[in-house]
Amino acid sequence: MHHVDLDNSGLAELPPEIGDVDEVQVLTAWRNHLTSLPDWLWRFTELQFLNLGENQIREISGDISRLVNLHTLDLGHNALTSLPDLLGDLPNLTRYLYLSNNRLSAVPASLGRLAGLAYLNISDNRITSLPDSFGSLAALRELRLYNNQLTAVPESFGRLTQLRELHLRDNRITHLPTELGGLDNLRILDLRKNALSQLPSSFARLTRLAYLDLRANRFARVPEFLAQLPRLEKLDLRWNNLKSPPTWVEDLEKRGCTVLF
C-alpha cells in the first residue's frame, strides 16, 4: 500500500509525479492552495482515503465515481458551488463524507444512493432545501446540517432509523415533520437558532434522546411530554418566549436531567 501525505505543503497543484505511483490507497493533501485537481487523480482506483480539505478547490469532476474503493472523502473548507451527480456512485463510501464550509446552495439527490454511509457533514454552506432521497441513507449515524438556510426538513428523514446525532442549528426551520418521531436511536438533537414554536407530539417516542437543544427559537410553551423522555440528560430552553419554567421541569431535574432556562 502507498500512503501519500502532502498535508500543509504550500502546494498550488498536486505534483504530477504522484500520478505515476501505483496502488495508492491513502492520499491526503489537506491545507494547501489547490484550486483544481488533475485528471490522473481519478485513475487511483485503489484509493480508500482521500483528504483534500482546506484548499480552494472550485470543482469536482464526475470522474470521482471511478474511485470505487473510497470509504472516506474530505472536501471540506474549499470553494465548491456544486457537486457532481456521480458522487452518489461510490459504493464503498461508508465511513465519512465531509463537505462543510463550501459554497453549496444545493446537493444532488444522488447522494441518497450512499446507503452505507455512516457520517455526513454538509454544515456551513448555503443550502435551502434537501432532497427526499436523503431518507435512503439507511446506515447514517451522524448528520450535520447546521449553519445553512433550511426552512424545512424532509419527511423522509423519519426513515433514518440508525441516526444517533442530528445537528440542525443555525437554520430557518419553522416546523418539523411528525415522521422524526421514528428516529428511535436518536441521542442528540440540536435545534438551536431556528424559528420553531412547537414540536411534533411524535417526539414522545424518542425514548433514547439524551440531549435536546431548543435555544433561540420561538417557543412560548414547551410540551409536557418532554418530561417523560426516560433518558433525557440535558434540555436547553434558553432564549425563547417562555415567561417561566414549565411546571414539569422539577420532575426532570429530580431524575438528574439538567434543564437550562
Protein backbone atom coordinates (compact mmCIF):
# COMPACT_ATOMS: atom_id res chain seq x y z
CA MET A 1 0.00 0.00 0.00
CA HIS A 2 1.22 3.51 -0.79
CA HIS A 3 0.35 6.34 1.59
CA VAL A 4 0.89 9.78 0.03
CA ASP A 5 0.99 12.60 2.59
CA LEU A 6 1.15 16.13 1.18
CA ASP A 7 -0.52 17.94 4.08
CA ASN A 8 0.27 21.59 4.68
CA SER A 9 2.96 21.70 1.99
CA GLY A 10 2.16 25.02 0.32
CA LEU A 11 1.17 23.29 -2.93
CA ALA A 12 -0.68 25.11 -5.71
CA GLU A 13 -1.18 21.81 -7.57
CA LEU A 14 -0.69 18.12 -6.94
CA PRO A 15 2.82 17.08 -8.10
CA PRO A 16 2.47 15.27 -11.46
CA GLU A 17 4.99 12.59 -10.47
CA ILE A 18 2.43 11.32 -7.94
CA GLY A 19 0.37 10.20 -10.90
CA ASP A 20 2.98 7.54 -11.67
CA VAL A 21 2.68 5.87 -8.27
CA ASP A 22 0.89 2.52 -8.31
CA GLU A 23 -1.72 1.29 -5.86
CA VAL A 24 -2.18 4.47 -3.83
CA GLN A 25 -4.72 3.73 -1.10
CA VAL A 26 -4.34 6.87 1.02
CA LEU A 27 -3.86 10.38 -0.35
CA THR A 28 -4.03 13.41 1.91
CA ALA A 29 -3.33 16.94 0.68
CA TRP A 30 -5.01 18.89 3.45
CA ARG A 31 -4.40 22.63 3.86
CA ASN A 32 -2.67 23.60 0.64
CA HIS A 33 -3.54 26.09 -2.10
CA LEU A 34 -5.14 23.75 -4.64
CA THR A 35 -7.80 25.28 -6.90
CA SER A 36 -8.25 22.32 -9.26
CA LEU A 37 -7.46 18.63 -9.48
CA PRO A 38 -5.59 16.71 -12.23
CA ASP A 39 -7.33 14.07 -14.34
CA TRP A 40 -4.79 11.43 -13.30
CA LEU A 41 -6.17 11.51 -9.77
CA TRP A 42 -9.27 9.59 -10.89
CA ARG A 43 -7.09 6.70 -12.10
CA PHE A 44 -6.28 5.81 -8.48
CA THR A 45 -9.00 3.19 -8.35
CA GLU A 46 -7.41 1.54 -5.29
CA LEU A 47 -7.82 4.75 -3.29
CA GLN A 48 -9.67 4.26 0.01
CA PHE A 49 -8.99 7.52 1.85
CA LEU A 50 -8.90 10.95 0.17
CA ASN A 51 -8.47 14.19 2.13
CA LEU A 52 -8.50 17.42 0.12
CA GLY A 53 -9.81 19.64 2.91
CA GLU A 54 -8.79 23.26 3.44
CA ASN A 55 -7.84 24.17 -0.11
CA GLN A 56 -9.57 26.43 -2.66
CA ILE A 57 -10.94 23.73 -4.96
CA ARG A 58 -13.81 25.05 -7.09
CA GLU A 59 -15.00 21.93 -8.90
CA ILE A 60 -15.01 18.14 -8.58
CA SER A 61 -15.15 16.04 -11.74
CA GLY A 62 -17.81 13.38 -12.16
CA ASP A 63 -14.87 11.03 -12.76
CA ILE A 64 -14.64 10.79 -8.99
CA SER A 65 -17.11 7.91 -9.41
CA ARG A 66 -14.16 5.83 -10.64
CA LEU A 67 -12.80 5.70 -7.09
CA VAL A 68 -14.94 2.68 -6.32
CA ASN A 69 -12.95 1.63 -3.24
CA LEU A 70 -13.14 5.00 -1.49
CA HIS A 71 -14.55 4.79 2.05
CA THR A 72 -13.56 8.26 3.36
CA LEU A 73 -13.78 11.58 1.49
CA ASP A 74 -12.99 15.03 2.89
CA LEU A 75 -13.75 18.00 0.63
CA GLY A 76 -14.47 20.44 3.45
CA HIS A 77 -13.29 24.05 3.60
CA ASN A 78 -13.00 24.60 -0.14
CA ALA A 79 -14.82 26.78 -2.70
CA LEU A 80 -17.25 24.25 -4.18
CA THR A 81 -20.50 25.68 -5.51
CA SER A 82 -21.88 22.35 -6.75
CA LEU A 83 -21.29 18.60 -6.55
CA PRO A 84 -21.32 16.09 -9.41
CA ASP A 85 -24.32 13.75 -9.58
CA LEU A 86 -21.90 10.84 -9.86
CA LEU A 87 -20.72 11.45 -6.31
CA GLY A 88 -23.56 9.14 -5.34
CA ASP A 89 -21.99 6.29 -7.32
CA LEU A 90 -19.30 5.44 -4.78
CA PRO A 91 -20.42 2.03 -3.47
CA ASN A 92 -17.87 1.80 -0.67
CA LEU A 93 -18.19 5.35 0.66
CA THR A 94 -19.34 4.11 4.04
CA ARG A 95 -17.33 5.87 6.73
CA TYR A 96 -17.15 9.62 6.22
CA LEU A 97 -18.23 12.33 3.77
CA TYR A 98 -17.26 15.85 4.81
CA LEU A 99 -18.49 18.80 2.73
CA SER A 100 -18.59 21.54 5.36
CA ASN A 101 -17.55 25.13 4.68
CA ASN A 102 -18.06 25.36 0.95
CA ARG A 103 -20.44 27.48 -1.13
CA LEU A 104 -23.10 24.89 -1.86
CA SER A 105 -26.68 26.03 -2.32
CA ALA A 106 -27.95 22.53 -3.15
CA VAL A 107 -26.84 18.91 -3.01
CA PRO A 108 -27.60 16.25 -5.63
CA ALA A 109 -30.36 13.72 -4.98
CA SER A 110 -27.86 11.03 -5.95
CA LEU A 111 -26.25 11.29 -2.51
CA GLY A 112 -29.21 9.25 -1.32
CA ARG A 113 -27.63 6.26 -3.04
CA LEU A 114 -24.85 6.18 -0.44
CA ALA A 115 -26.83 3.66 1.56
CA GLY A 116 -23.84 2.50 3.64
CA LEU A 117 -22.60 5.95 4.69
CA ALA A 118 -22.27 6.43 8.47
CA TYR A 119 -21.26 10.13 8.76
CA LEU A 120 -22.32 13.10 6.61
CA ASN A 121 -21.45 16.74 7.26
CA ILE A 122 -22.73 19.48 4.93
CA SER A 123 -22.69 22.26 7.50
CA ASP A 124 -21.65 25.88 6.88
CA ASN A 125 -22.99 26.16 3.34
CA ARG A 126 -25.95 27.94 1.72
CA ILE A 127 -28.34 25.03 1.29
CA THR A 128 -32.04 25.96 1.20
CA SER A 129 -33.61 22.50 0.86
CA LEU A 130 -32.71 18.83 0.91
CA PRO A 131 -33.79 16.05 -1.47
CA ASP A 132 -36.25 13.41 -0.25
CA SER A 133 -33.68 10.80 -1.31
CA PHE A 134 -31.73 11.53 1.88
CA GLY A 135 -34.21 9.24 3.60
CA SER A 136 -32.44 6.34 1.84
CA LEU A 137 -29.20 6.90 3.79
CA ALA A 138 -30.12 3.84 5.83
CA ALA A 139 -26.80 3.42 7.70
CA LEU A 140 -26.36 7.08 8.67
CA ARG A 141 -25.47 7.59 12.33
CA GLU A 142 -24.49 11.25 12.38
CA LEU A 143 -25.86 14.05 10.19
CA ARG A 144 -24.63 17.63 10.48
CA LEU A 145 -26.52 20.33 8.58
CA TYR A 146 -26.01 23.36 10.78
CA ASN A 147 -25.47 26.92 9.53
CA ASN A 148 -27.37 26.65 6.26
CA GLN A 149 -30.61 28.25 5.05
CA LEU A 150 -33.02 25.35 5.53
CA THR A 151 -36.65 26.20 6.24
CA ALA A 152 -37.89 22.60 6.49
CA VAL A 153 -36.76 19.02 6.99
CA PRO A 154 -37.91 16.28 4.57
CA GLU A 155 -40.45 13.78 5.92
CA SER A 156 -38.17 11.07 4.56
CA PHE A 157 -35.73 11.77 7.43
CA GLY A 158 -38.05 9.61 9.51
CA ARG A 159 -36.54 6.58 7.77
CA LEU A 160 -33.04 7.28 9.15
CA THR A 161 -33.58 4.79 11.94
CA GLN A 162 -29.86 4.30 12.69
CA LEU A 163 -29.32 8.02 13.26
CA ARG A 164 -27.84 8.91 16.65
CA GLU A 165 -27.00 12.59 16.13
CA LEU A 166 -28.92 15.20 14.14
CA HIS A 167 -27.50 18.72 14.10
CA LEU A 168 -29.77 21.39 12.60
CA ARG A 169 -28.81 24.57 14.44
CA ASP A 170 -28.49 27.95 12.73
CA ASN A 171 -31.08 27.45 10.01
CA ARG A 172 -34.53 28.92 9.37
CA ILE A 173 -36.65 25.89 10.15
CA THR A 174 -40.24 26.76 11.11
CA HIS A 175 -41.65 23.26 11.69
CA LEU A 176 -40.56 19.64 11.95
CA PRO A 177 -42.28 16.63 10.38
CA THR A 178 -44.13 14.11 12.53
CA GLU A 179 -42.01 11.38 10.96
CA LEU A 180 -38.97 12.41 13.01
CA GLY A 181 -40.60 10.62 15.92
CA GLY A 182 -39.49 7.40 14.24
CA LEU A 183 -35.80 8.09 14.93
CA ASP A 184 -35.73 5.67 17.84
CA ASN A 185 -31.92 5.55 18.04
CA LEU A 186 -31.53 9.33 18.27
CA ARG A 187 -29.38 10.51 21.19
CA ILE A 188 -28.55 14.12 20.28
CA LEU A 189 -30.90 16.63 18.62
CA ASP A 190 -29.61 20.18 18.20
CA LEU A 191 -32.29 22.63 17.02
CA ARG A 192 -30.98 25.90 18.40
CA LYS A 193 -31.25 29.16 16.43
CA ASN A 194 -34.19 28.31 14.22
CA ALA A 195 -37.78 29.61 14.01
CA LEU A 196 -39.60 26.79 15.80
CA SER A 197 -42.61 27.42 18.01
CA GLN A 198 -43.75 23.83 18.57
CA LEU A 199 -42.61 20.21 18.47
CA PRO A 200 -44.49 17.26 16.96
CA SER A 201 -46.22 15.07 19.54
CA SER A 202 -44.41 12.12 17.94
CA PHE A 203 -41.24 13.28 19.74
CA ALA A 204 -42.63 11.48 22.78
CA ARG A 205 -41.36 8.31 21.08
CA LEU A 206 -37.71 9.45 21.13
CA THR A 207 -37.01 7.27 24.13
CA ARG A 208 -33.22 7.25 23.69
CA LEU A 209 -32.86 11.01 23.37
CA ALA A 210 -30.28 12.30 25.85
CA TYR A 211 -29.61 15.86 24.66
CA LEU A 212 -32.18 18.30 23.27
CA ASP A 213 -31.14 21.87 22.48
CA LEU A 214 -34.02 24.27 21.76
CA ARG A 215 -32.18 27.53 22.42
CA ALA A 216 -33.03 30.69 20.50
CA ASN A 217 -36.30 29.62 18.90
CA ARG A 218 -39.84 30.99 19.32
CA PHE A 219 -41.36 28.67 21.90
CA ALA A 220 -43.99 30.27 24.13
CA ARG A 221 -44.64 26.86 25.67
CA VAL A 222 -42.88 23.52 25.56
CA PRO A 223 -44.83 20.24 25.51
CA GLU A 224 -45.10 18.31 28.75
CA PHE A 225 -44.26 15.00 27.07
CA LEU A 226 -40.59 16.02 27.22
CA ALA A 227 -40.72 15.24 30.93
CA GLN A 228 -41.50 11.62 30.06
CA LEU A 229 -38.43 11.01 27.89
CA PRO A 230 -36.68 8.37 30.02
CA ARG A 231 -33.05 9.05 29.04
CA LEU A 232 -33.06 12.83 28.73
CA GLU A 233 -29.93 14.22 30.42
CA LYS A 234 -29.91 17.81 29.20
CA LEU A 235 -32.66 20.15 27.96
CA ASP A 236 -31.76 23.69 26.93
CA LEU A 237 -34.69 26.14 26.72
CA ARG A 238 -32.84 29.45 26.89
CA TRP A 239 -33.63 32.48 24.73
CA ASN A 240 -37.19 31.58 23.79
CA ASN A 241 -40.50 33.32 24.54
CA LEU A 242 -41.12 31.34 27.72
CA LYS A 243 -42.16 33.55 30.64
CA SER A 244 -41.40 31.00 33.32
CA PRO A 245 -40.06 27.44 33.53
CA PRO A 246 -42.67 24.76 32.78
CA THR A 247 -44.06 23.19 35.95
CA TRP A 248 -42.79 19.75 34.94
CA VAL A 249 -39.16 20.87 34.86
CA GLU A 250 -38.81 19.86 38.50
CA ASP A 251 -39.70 16.27 37.60
CA LEU A 252 -36.88 16.20 35.06
CA GLU A 253 -34.39 17.70 37.47
CA LYS A 254 -35.28 15.15 40.14
CA ARG A 255 -34.32 12.45 37.65
CA GLY A 256 -30.91 14.07 37.18
CA CYS A 257 -31.64 15.95 33.94
CA THR A 258 -30.00 19.37 33.59
CA VAL A 259 -32.55 21.96 32.43
CA LEU A 260 -31.33 25.38 31.33
CA PHE A 261 -33.91 28.16 31.23
